[in-house]
Amino acid sequence: MEAARVVLVDDDVSIRRLVTMALAELPIELVVCAGGAEALEALRLAPARLLITDLMMPGMSGFELLQRLVAEPSLRGSARLAVFSAGLNAEAQAQLAGLGVWREISKPVSVLALAATVEEALAEDEQAPAAAPQAPASANAPPSDEAQAIRTHFAGNAELFHAFKAGCLLQFQDDLHQLQAALDRRDAGALRRLGHSLKSVLHTLGFAQAASHARALEVAAAGQDWAAVAAHGSALRLSLESLAVAASPARPSGG
């Protein structure tokens, strides 16, 4: 039997990695796309059973992608549509009304809930609703709580958590460059997107304090409050620098 085709659309490298790892054991063909235009091309090449998309992305947003699929039902085919986003507030849900979305998944979410959602979407018979997404970790939690993160988001699988964390720590070095460049040119849109992406990844890893800085940066950038942007951007940069240093290979001592 041919594997069911699932299209994932997310501009965040770490989120794409997390979903790929979460679904690795399922009998599916996962097509990973970094944006809406790439997803449309993937659907033109072959139909999908499920499309999972982020909402806030540069270029074509998730909202615009869903609108295109409503306007071109032949492109969507029989695919179920799921939204996977950290921005599922009342305003976003109002915009999603009428776009044929089957499931809304809030970031961060456990790998178990992700897999259960995909299995439900692909099931031919009616099943009970997928496990509810886990709530974000409290901002009052310790700066890093790996044990809690492993239990909450990785179904107790420490090996999966550490593999995901290793990739994220390397990605943080690139995020640092993007953050500083956006701060230097006062690019509110880029800062908002970066804060939006990082808050979910950092929560998933158990770095609640760093995640709160990312969330505050997102809000400040959305309001173009440049004093707050500078403060929260600096705090987030310090957090990412300490994490990126942890990922860097130790230098041999001189002799």
C-alpha atoms as a PDB file:
ATOM      1  CA  MET A   1       0.000   0.000   0.000  1.00  0.00           C
ATOM      2  CA  GLU A   2       1.317   3.423  -0.929  1.00  0.00           C
ATOM      3  CA  ALA A   3       2.277   5.585   2.047  1.00  0.00           C
ATOM      4  CA  ALA A   4      -0.068   8.474   2.829  1.00  0.00           C
ATOM      5  CA  ARG A   5       1.416  11.819   1.821  1.00  0.00           C
ATOM      6  CA  VAL A   6       1.567  14.493   4.532  1.00  0.00           C
ATOM      7  CA  VAL A   7       2.738  18.025   3.729  1.00  0.00           C
ATOM      8  CA  LEU A   8       4.276  20.098   6.531  1.00  0.00           C
ATOM      9  CA  VAL A   9       4.663  23.855   6.022  1.00  0.00           C
ATOM     10  CA  ASP A  10       6.773  25.827   8.519  1.00  0.00           C
ATOM     11  CA  ASP A  11       9.576  28.347   8.069  1.00  0.00           C
ATOM     12  CA  ASP A  12      11.204  27.394  11.391  1.00  0.00           C
ATOM     13  CA  VAL A  13      14.001  24.832  10.966  1.00  0.00           C
ATOM     14  CA  SER A  14      13.684  23.568  14.536  1.00  0.00           C
ATOM     15  CA  ILE A  15       9.929  23.044  14.279  1.00  0.00           C
ATOM     16  CA  ARG A  16      10.366  21.166  10.998  1.00  0.00           C
ATOM     17  CA  ARG A  17      12.937  18.970  12.706  1.00  0.00           C
ATOM     18  CA  LEU A  18      10.636  18.324  15.683  1.00  0.00           C
ATOM     19  CA  VAL A  19       7.689  17.297  13.506  1.00  0.00           C
ATOM     20  CA  THR A  20       9.908  15.090  11.343  1.00  0.00           C
ATOM     21  CA  MET A  21      11.188  13.291  14.438  1.00  0.00           C
ATOM     22  CA  ALA A  22       7.699  13.014  15.953  1.00  0.00           C
ATOM     23  CA  LEU A  23       6.304  11.358  12.825  1.00  0.00           C
ATOM     24  CA  ALA A  24       9.324   9.223  11.933  1.00  0.00           C
ATOM     25  CA  GLU A  25       7.682   5.950  12.994  1.00  0.00           C
ATOM     26  CA  LEU A  26       4.425   6.513  11.093  1.00  0.00           C
ATOM     27  CA  PRO A  27       3.867   4.852   7.685  1.00  0.00           C
ATOM     28  CA  ILE A  28       3.687   8.161   5.830  1.00  0.00           C
ATOM     29  CA  GLU A  29       5.574  10.134   3.207  1.00  0.00           C
ATOM     30  CA  LEU A  30       6.355  13.432   4.911  1.00  0.00           C
ATOM     31  CA  VAL A  31       6.981  16.340   2.525  1.00  0.00           C
ATOM     32  CA  VAL A  32       8.640  19.226   4.375  1.00  0.00           C
ATOM     33  CA  CYS A  33       8.170  22.743   2.989  1.00  0.00           C
ATOM     34  CA  ALA A  34       9.696  25.990   4.254  1.00  0.00           C
ATOM     35  CA  GLY A  35       6.881  28.207   2.953  1.00  0.00           C
ATOM     36  CA  GLY A  36       3.512  28.472   1.267  1.00  0.00           C
ATOM     37  CA  ALA A  37       4.781  28.709  -2.300  1.00  0.00           C
ATOM     38  CA  GLU A  38       6.825  25.537  -1.829  1.00  0.00           C
ATOM     39  CA  ALA A  39       3.749  23.785  -0.406  1.00  0.00           C
ATOM     40  CA  LEU A  40       1.629  24.748  -3.418  1.00  0.00           C
ATOM     41  CA  GLU A  41       4.273  23.289  -5.701  1.00  0.00           C
ATOM     42  CA  ALA A  42       4.303  20.074  -3.666  1.00  0.00           C
ATOM     43  CA  LEU A  43       0.517  19.788  -4.014  1.00  0.00           C
ATOM     44  CA  ARG A  44       0.760  20.352  -7.766  1.00  0.00           C
ATOM     45  CA  LEU A  45       3.202  17.440  -8.000  1.00  0.00           C
ATOM     46  CA  ALA A  46       1.056  14.968  -6.081  1.00  0.00           C
ATOM     47  CA  PRO A  47      -2.048  15.010  -3.852  1.00  0.00           C
ATOM     48  CA  ALA A  48      -1.780  14.880  -0.074  1.00  0.00           C
ATOM     49  CA  ARG A  49      -3.953  13.317   2.604  1.00  0.00           C
ATOM     50  CA  LEU A  50      -3.041  15.961   5.198  1.00  0.00           C
ATOM     51  CA  LEU A  51      -1.496  19.438   5.129  1.00  0.00           C
ATOM     52  CA  ILE A  52      -0.153  20.965   8.343  1.00  0.00           C
ATOM     53  CA  THR A  53       0.772  24.643   8.185  1.00  0.00           C
ATOM     54  CA  ASP A  54       2.131  27.361  10.412  1.00  0.00           C
ATOM     55  CA  LEU A  55       0.366  30.725  10.178  1.00  0.00           C
ATOM     56  CA  MET A  56       3.061  33.376  10.591  1.00  0.00           C
ATOM     57  CA  MET A  57       5.611  32.909   7.823  1.00  0.00           C
ATOM     58  CA  PRO A  58       7.534  35.327   5.580  1.00  0.00           C
ATOM     59  CA  GLY A  59       6.301  35.610   2.022  1.00  0.00           C
ATOM     60  CA  MET A  60       3.053  33.658   1.746  1.00  0.00           C
ATOM     61  CA  SER A  61       1.520  33.308   5.207  1.00  0.00           C
ATOM     62  CA  GLY A  62      -0.393  30.260   6.355  1.00  0.00           C
ATOM     63  CA  PHE A  63      -3.627  32.238   6.052  1.00  0.00           C
ATOM     64  CA  GLU A  64      -2.818  33.047   2.429  1.00  0.00           C
ATOM     65  CA  LEU A  65      -1.943  29.422   1.715  1.00  0.00           C
ATOM     66  CA  LEU A  66      -5.299  28.249   3.103  1.00  0.00           C
ATOM     67  CA  GLN A  67      -7.112  30.929   1.109  1.00  0.00           C
ATOM     68  CA  ARG A  68      -5.422  29.672  -2.073  1.00  0.00           C
ATOM     69  CA  LEU A  69      -6.601  26.156  -1.344  1.00  0.00           C
ATOM     70  CA  VAL A  70     -10.156  27.397  -0.827  1.00  0.00           C
ATOM     71  CA  ALA A  71      -9.966  29.251  -4.148  1.00  0.00           C
ATOM     72  CA  GLU A  72      -8.451  26.205  -5.907  1.00  0.00           C
ATOM     73  CA  PRO A  73     -10.201  23.117  -4.489  1.00  0.00           C
ATOM     74  CA  SER A  74      -8.642  20.903  -7.158  1.00  0.00           C
ATOM     75  CA  LEU A  75      -5.221  21.746  -5.716  1.00  0.00           C
ATOM     76  CA  ARG A  76      -6.296  20.834  -2.201  1.00  0.00           C
ATOM     77  CA  GLY A  77      -8.020  17.659  -3.351  1.00  0.00           C
ATOM     78  CA  SER A  78      -9.193  15.559  -0.404  1.00  0.00           C
ATOM     79  CA  ALA A  79      -6.453  16.740   1.957  1.00  0.00           C
ATOM     80  CA  ARG A  80      -7.434  17.561   5.506  1.00  0.00           C
ATOM     81  CA  LEU A  81      -6.065  20.903   6.682  1.00  0.00           C
ATOM     82  CA  ALA A  82      -4.449  21.450  10.071  1.00  0.00           C
ATOM     83  CA  VAL A  83      -2.982  24.628  11.533  1.00  0.00           C
ATOM     84  CA  PHE A  84       0.074  24.327  13.797  1.00  0.00           C
ATOM     85  CA  SER A  85       0.852  27.694  15.350  1.00  0.00           C
ATOM     86  CA  ALA A  86       1.811  29.594  18.483  1.00  0.00           C
ATOM     87  CA  GLY A  87      -0.535  32.406  17.465  1.00  0.00           C
ATOM     88  CA  LEU A  88      -3.941  30.732  17.812  1.00  0.00           C
ATOM     89  CA  ASN A  89      -5.699  33.589  19.574  1.00  0.00           C
ATOM     90  CA  ALA A  90      -9.299  34.726  19.048  1.00  0.00           C
ATOM     91  CA  GLU A  91      -8.293  37.005  16.167  1.00  0.00           C
ATOM     92  CA  ALA A  92      -6.483  34.198  14.344  1.00  0.00           C
ATOM     93  CA  GLN A  93      -9.350  31.782  14.886  1.00  0.00           C
ATOM     94  CA  ALA A  94     -11.772  34.317  13.456  1.00  0.00           C
ATOM     95  CA  GLN A  95      -9.604  34.599  10.342  1.00  0.00           C
ATOM     96  CA  LEU A  96      -9.529  30.815  10.030  1.00  0.00           C
ATOM     97  CA  ALA A  97     -13.319  30.532  10.063  1.00  0.00           C
ATOM     98  CA  GLY A  98     -14.558  29.401   6.669  1.00  0.00           C
ATOM     99  CA  LEU A  99     -11.160  28.148   5.461  1.00  0.00           C
ATOM    100  CA  GLY A 100     -11.984  24.477   5.986  1.00  0.00           C
ATOM    101  CA  VAL A 101      -9.487  23.852   8.791  1.00  0.00           C
ATOM    102  CA  TRP A 102      -9.972  20.410  10.338  1.00  0.00           C
ATOM    103  CA  ARG A 103      -7.727  20.817  13.379  1.00  0.00           C
ATOM    104  CA  GLU A 104      -5.972  23.680  15.201  1.00  0.00           C
ATOM    105  CA  ILE A 105      -2.826  22.684  17.110  1.00  0.00           C
ATOM    106  CA  SER A 106      -1.177  25.143  19.483  1.00  0.00           C
ATOM    107  CA  LYS A 107       2.600  25.251  19.796  1.00  0.00           C
ATOM    108  CA  PRO A 108       4.301  23.889  21.798  1.00  0.00           C
ATOM    109  CA  VAL A 109       2.805  20.395  21.642  1.00  0.00           C
ATOM    110  CA  SER A 110       4.020  16.938  22.628  1.00  0.00           C
ATOM    111  CA  VAL A 111       5.352  14.565  19.998  1.00  0.00           C
ATOM    112  CA  LEU A 112       2.732  12.062  21.163  1.00  0.00           C
ATOM    113  CA  ALA A 113      -0.099  14.513  20.442  1.00  0.00           C
ATOM    114  CA  LEU A 114       1.386  15.328  17.030  1.00  0.00           C
ATOM    115  CA  ALA A 115       1.568  11.680  16.052  1.00  0.00           C
ATOM    116  CA  ALA A 116      -1.946  11.023  17.361  1.00  0.00           C
ATOM    117  CA  THR A 117      -3.320  13.941  15.346  1.00  0.00           C
ATOM    118  CA  VAL A 118      -1.751  12.679  12.126  1.00  0.00           C
ATOM    119  CA  GLU A 119      -2.960   9.125  12.766  1.00  0.00           C
ATOM    120  CA  GLU A 120      -6.493  10.422  13.331  1.00  0.00           C
ATOM    121  CA  ALA A 121      -6.407  12.510  10.159  1.00  0.00           C
ATOM    122  CA  LEU A 122      -5.379   9.516   8.100  1.00  0.00           C
ATOM    123  CA  ALA A 123      -7.777   7.027   9.660  1.00  0.00           C
ATOM    124  CA  GLU A 124     -10.611   5.926   7.386  1.00  0.00           C
ATOM    125  CA  ASP A 125     -13.057   5.385  10.239  1.00  0.00           C
ATOM    126  CA  GLU A 126     -14.148   7.873  12.897  1.00  0.00           C
ATOM    127  CA  GLN A 127     -11.903   7.995  15.949  1.00  0.00           C
ATOM    128  CA  ALA A 128     -11.971   9.856  19.185  1.00  0.00           C
ATOM    129  CA  PRO A 129     -10.428  13.337  19.080  1.00  0.00           C
ATOM    130  CA  ALA A 130      -6.667  13.466  19.275  1.00  0.00           C
ATOM    131  CA  ALA A 131      -5.037  14.136  22.602  1.00  0.00           C
ATOM    132  CA  ALA A 132      -5.271  17.793  23.526  1.00  0.00           C
ATOM    133  CA  PRO A 133      -2.062  19.799  22.983  1.00  0.00           C
ATOM    134  CA  GLN A 134      -0.085  20.466  26.133  1.00  0.00           C
ATOM    135  CA  ALA A 135      -0.127  23.977  27.540  1.00  0.00           C
ATOM    136  CA  PRO A 136       3.100  26.009  27.360  1.00  0.00           C
ATOM    137  CA  ALA A 137       5.422  25.733  30.329  1.00  0.00           C
ATOM    138  CA  SER A 138       4.990  28.396  32.959  1.00  0.00           C
ATOM    139  CA  ALA A 139       7.260  31.407  32.703  1.00  0.00           C
ATOM    140  CA  ASN A 140       7.919  30.920  36.450  1.00  0.00           C
ATOM    141  CA  ALA A 141       9.495  27.519  35.878  1.00  0.00           C
ATOM    142  CA  PRO A 142      13.265  27.064  36.353  1.00  0.00           C
ATOM    143  CA  PRO A 143      15.432  28.435  33.481  1.00  0.00           C
ATOM    144  CA  SER A 144      15.875  24.891  32.164  1.00  0.00           C
ATOM    145  CA  ASP A 145      13.733  21.910  33.153  1.00  0.00           C
ATOM    146  CA  GLU A 146      14.717  19.081  30.854  1.00  0.00           C
ATOM    147  CA  ALA A 147      12.922  16.402  32.853  1.00  0.00           C
ATOM    148  CA  GLN A 148       9.621  18.259  32.621  1.00  0.00           C
ATOM    149  CA  ALA A 149      10.133  18.976  28.917  1.00  0.00           C
ATOM    150  CA  ILE A 150      10.839  15.307  28.228  1.00  0.00           C
ATOM    151  CA  ARG A 151       7.675  14.251  30.056  1.00  0.00           C
ATOM    152  CA  THR A 152       5.432  16.942  28.597  1.00  0.00           C
ATOM    153  CA  HIS A 153       6.555  17.281  24.996  1.00  0.00           C
ATOM    154  CA  PHE A 154       8.460  14.072  24.182  1.00  0.00           C
ATOM    155  CA  ALA A 155       6.283  11.402  25.865  1.00  0.00           C
ATOM    156  CA  GLY A 156       9.184  10.486  28.160  1.00  0.00           C
ATOM    157  CA  ASN A 157      11.569   9.779  25.279  1.00  0.00           C
ATOM    158  CA  ALA A 158      14.839  11.334  26.477  1.00  0.00           C
ATOM    159  CA  GLU A 159      16.777  10.173  23.408  1.00  0.00           C
ATOM    160  CA  LEU A 160      14.343  11.977  21.104  1.00  0.00           C
ATOM    161  CA  PHE A 161      14.508  15.111  23.274  1.00  0.00           C
ATOM    162  CA  HIS A 162      18.311  15.260  23.241  1.00  0.00           C
ATOM    163  CA  ALA A 163      18.479  14.677  19.492  1.00  0.00           C
ATOM    164  CA  PHE A 164      16.049  17.551  18.956  1.00  0.00           C
ATOM    165  CA  LYS A 165      17.893  19.755  21.444  1.00  0.00           C
ATOM    166  CA  ALA A 166      21.254  19.174  19.747  1.00  0.00           C
ATOM    167  CA  GLY A 167      19.884  20.395  16.422  1.00  0.00           C
ATOM    168  CA  CYS A 168      18.244  23.401  18.052  1.00  0.00           C
ATOM    169  CA  LEU A 169      21.421  24.466  19.840  1.00  0.00           C
ATOM    170  CA  LEU A 170      23.235  24.581  16.528  1.00  0.00           C
ATOM    171  CA  GLN A 171      20.338  26.478  14.940  1.00  0.00           C
ATOM    172  CA  PHE A 172      20.500  29.085  17.723  1.00  0.00           C
ATOM    173  CA  GLN A 173      23.817  30.292  16.321  1.00  0.00           C
ATOM    174  CA  ASP A 174      22.071  31.210  13.067  1.00  0.00           C
ATOM    175  CA  ASP A 175      19.147  32.682  15.009  1.00  0.00           C
ATOM    176  CA  LEU A 176      21.610  34.938  16.813  1.00  0.00           C
ATOM    177  CA  HIS A 177      22.856  36.370  13.511  1.00  0.00           C
ATOM    178  CA  GLN A 178      19.271  36.922  12.310  1.00  0.00           C
ATOM    179  CA  LEU A 179      18.324  38.589  15.597  1.00  0.00           C
ATOM    180  CA  GLN A 180      21.242  40.995  15.574  1.00  0.00           C
ATOM    181  CA  ALA A 181      20.728  41.879  11.905  1.00  0.00           C
ATOM    182  CA  ALA A 182      17.017  42.572  12.472  1.00  0.00           C
ATOM    183  CA  LEU A 183      17.793  44.686  15.539  1.00  0.00           C
ATOM    184  CA  ASP A 184      20.401  46.671  13.613  1.00  0.00           C
ATOM    185  CA  ARG A 185      18.000  47.522  10.787  1.00  0.00           C
ATOM    186  CA  ARG A 186      14.956  47.899  13.105  1.00  0.00           C
ATOM    187  CA  ASP A 187      13.012  45.328  11.101  1.00  0.00           C
ATOM    188  CA  ALA A 188       9.836  44.906  13.167  1.00  0.00           C
ATOM    189  CA  GLY A 189       8.436  42.164  10.926  1.00  0.00           C
ATOM    190  CA  ALA A 190      11.556  40.017  11.131  1.00  0.00           C
ATOM    191  CA  LEU A 191      11.817  40.499  14.889  1.00  0.00           C
ATOM    192  CA  ARG A 192       8.192  39.548  15.386  1.00  0.00           C
ATOM    193  CA  ARG A 193       8.576  36.383  13.305  1.00  0.00           C
ATOM    194  CA  LEU A 194      11.789  35.403  15.081  1.00  0.00           C
ATOM    195  CA  GLY A 195      10.268  35.933  18.529  1.00  0.00           C
ATOM    196  CA  HIS A 196       7.171  34.009  17.449  1.00  0.00           C
ATOM    197  CA  SER A 197       9.215  31.001  16.311  1.00  0.00           C
ATOM    198  CA  LEU A 198      11.698  30.958  19.167  1.00  0.00           C
ATOM    199  CA  LYS A 199       9.110  31.133  21.959  1.00  0.00           C
ATOM    200  CA  SER A 200       7.704  27.736  20.939  1.00  0.00           C
ATOM    201  CA  VAL A 201      11.073  26.062  20.443  1.00  0.00           C
ATOM    202  CA  LEU A 202      12.421  27.355  23.751  1.00  0.00           C
ATOM    203  CA  HIS A 203       9.288  26.273  25.637  1.00  0.00           C
ATOM    204  CA  THR A 204       9.518  22.834  24.055  1.00  0.00           C
ATOM    205  CA  LEU A 205      13.104  22.507  25.285  1.00  0.00           C
ATOM    206  CA  GLY A 206      12.211  23.632  28.815  1.00  0.00           C
ATOM    207  CA  PHE A 207      13.887  27.054  28.642  1.00  0.00           C
ATOM    208  CA  ALA A 208      10.896  28.961  30.024  1.00  0.00           C
ATOM    209  CA  GLN A 209      12.738  32.180  30.890  1.00  0.00           C
ATOM    210  CA  ALA A 210      14.292  32.452  27.431  1.00  0.00           C
ATOM    211  CA  ALA A 211      10.894  31.669  25.904  1.00  0.00           C
ATOM    212  CA  SER A 212       9.357  34.547  27.862  1.00  0.00           C
ATOM    213  CA  HIS A 213      11.984  36.912  26.399  1.00  0.00           C
ATOM    214  CA  ALA A 214      11.090  35.685  22.897  1.00  0.00           C
ATOM    215  CA  ARG A 215       7.376  36.211  23.550  1.00  0.00           C
ATOM    216  CA  ALA A 216       8.019  39.716  24.919  1.00  0.00           C
ATOM    217  CA  LEU A 217      10.113  40.543  21.845  1.00  0.00           C
ATOM    218  CA  GLU A 218       7.294  39.371  19.563  1.00  0.00           C
ATOM    219  CA  VAL A 219       4.777  41.618  21.343  1.00  0.00           C
ATOM    220  CA  ALA A 220       7.114  44.617  21.440  1.00  0.00           C
ATOM    221  CA  ALA A 221       7.977  44.271  17.743  1.00  0.00           C
ATOM    222  CA  ALA A 222       4.289  43.981  16.817  1.00  0.00           C
ATOM    223  CA  GLY A 223       3.664  47.304  18.574  1.00  0.00           C
ATOM    224  CA  GLN A 224       6.941  48.817  17.316  1.00  0.00           C
ATOM    225  CA  ASP A 225       7.841  49.721  20.890  1.00  0.00           C
ATOM    226  CA  TRP A 226      11.539  50.147  20.160  1.00  0.00           C
ATOM    227  CA  ALA A 227      12.620  50.674  23.765  1.00  0.00           C
ATOM    228  CA  ALA A 228      11.008  47.358  24.718  1.00  0.00           C
ATOM    229  CA  VAL A 229      12.348  45.727  21.547  1.00  0.00           C
ATOM    230  CA  ALA A 230      15.882  46.736  22.529  1.00  0.00           C
ATOM    231  CA  ALA A 231      15.472  45.450  26.100  1.00  0.00           C
ATOM    232  CA  HIS A 232      13.854  42.134  25.237  1.00  0.00           C
ATOM    233  CA  GLY A 233      16.053  41.649  22.180  1.00  0.00           C
ATOM    234  CA  SER A 234      19.132  42.068  24.341  1.00  0.00           C
ATOM    235  CA  ALA A 235      17.802  39.601  26.938  1.00  0.00           C
ATOM    236  CA  LEU A 236      16.960  37.060  24.257  1.00  0.00           C
ATOM    237  CA  ARG A 237      20.361  37.502  22.633  1.00  0.00           C
ATOM    238  CA  LEU A 238      22.122  36.789  25.944  1.00  0.00           C
ATOM    239  CA  SER A 239      20.013  33.645  26.411  1.00  0.00           C
ATOM    240  CA  LEU A 240      20.751  32.396  22.908  1.00  0.00           C
ATOM    241  CA  GLU A 241      24.453  33.193  23.251  1.00  0.00           C
ATOM    242  CA  SER A 242      24.725  31.057  26.392  1.00  0.00           C
ATOM    243  CA  LEU A 243      22.881  28.196  24.666  1.00  0.00           C
ATOM    244  CA  ALA A 244      24.937  28.487  21.485  1.00  0.00           C
ATOM    245  CA  VAL A 245      28.155  28.414  23.495  1.00  0.00           C
ATOM    246  CA  ALA A 246      27.001  25.160  25.082  1.00  0.00           C
ATOM    247  CA  ALA A 247      26.685  23.663  21.611  1.00  0.00           C
ATOM    248  CA  SER A 248      30.127  24.777  20.433  1.00  0.00           C
ATOM    249  CA  PRO A 249      32.896  22.147  20.514  1.00  0.00           C
ATOM    250  CA  ALA A 250      35.461  22.742  23.217  1.00  0.00           C
ATOM    251  CA  ARG A 251      38.676  24.302  22.002  1.00  0.00           C
ATOM    252  CA  PRO A 252      41.897  22.443  22.849  1.00  0.00           C
ATOM    253  CA  SER A 253      44.046  24.278  25.323  1.00  0.00           C
ATOM    254  CA  GLY A 254      47.239  25.799  24.025  1.00  0.00           C
ATOM    255  CA  GLY A 255      50.520  24.073  24.682  1.00  0.00           C
END
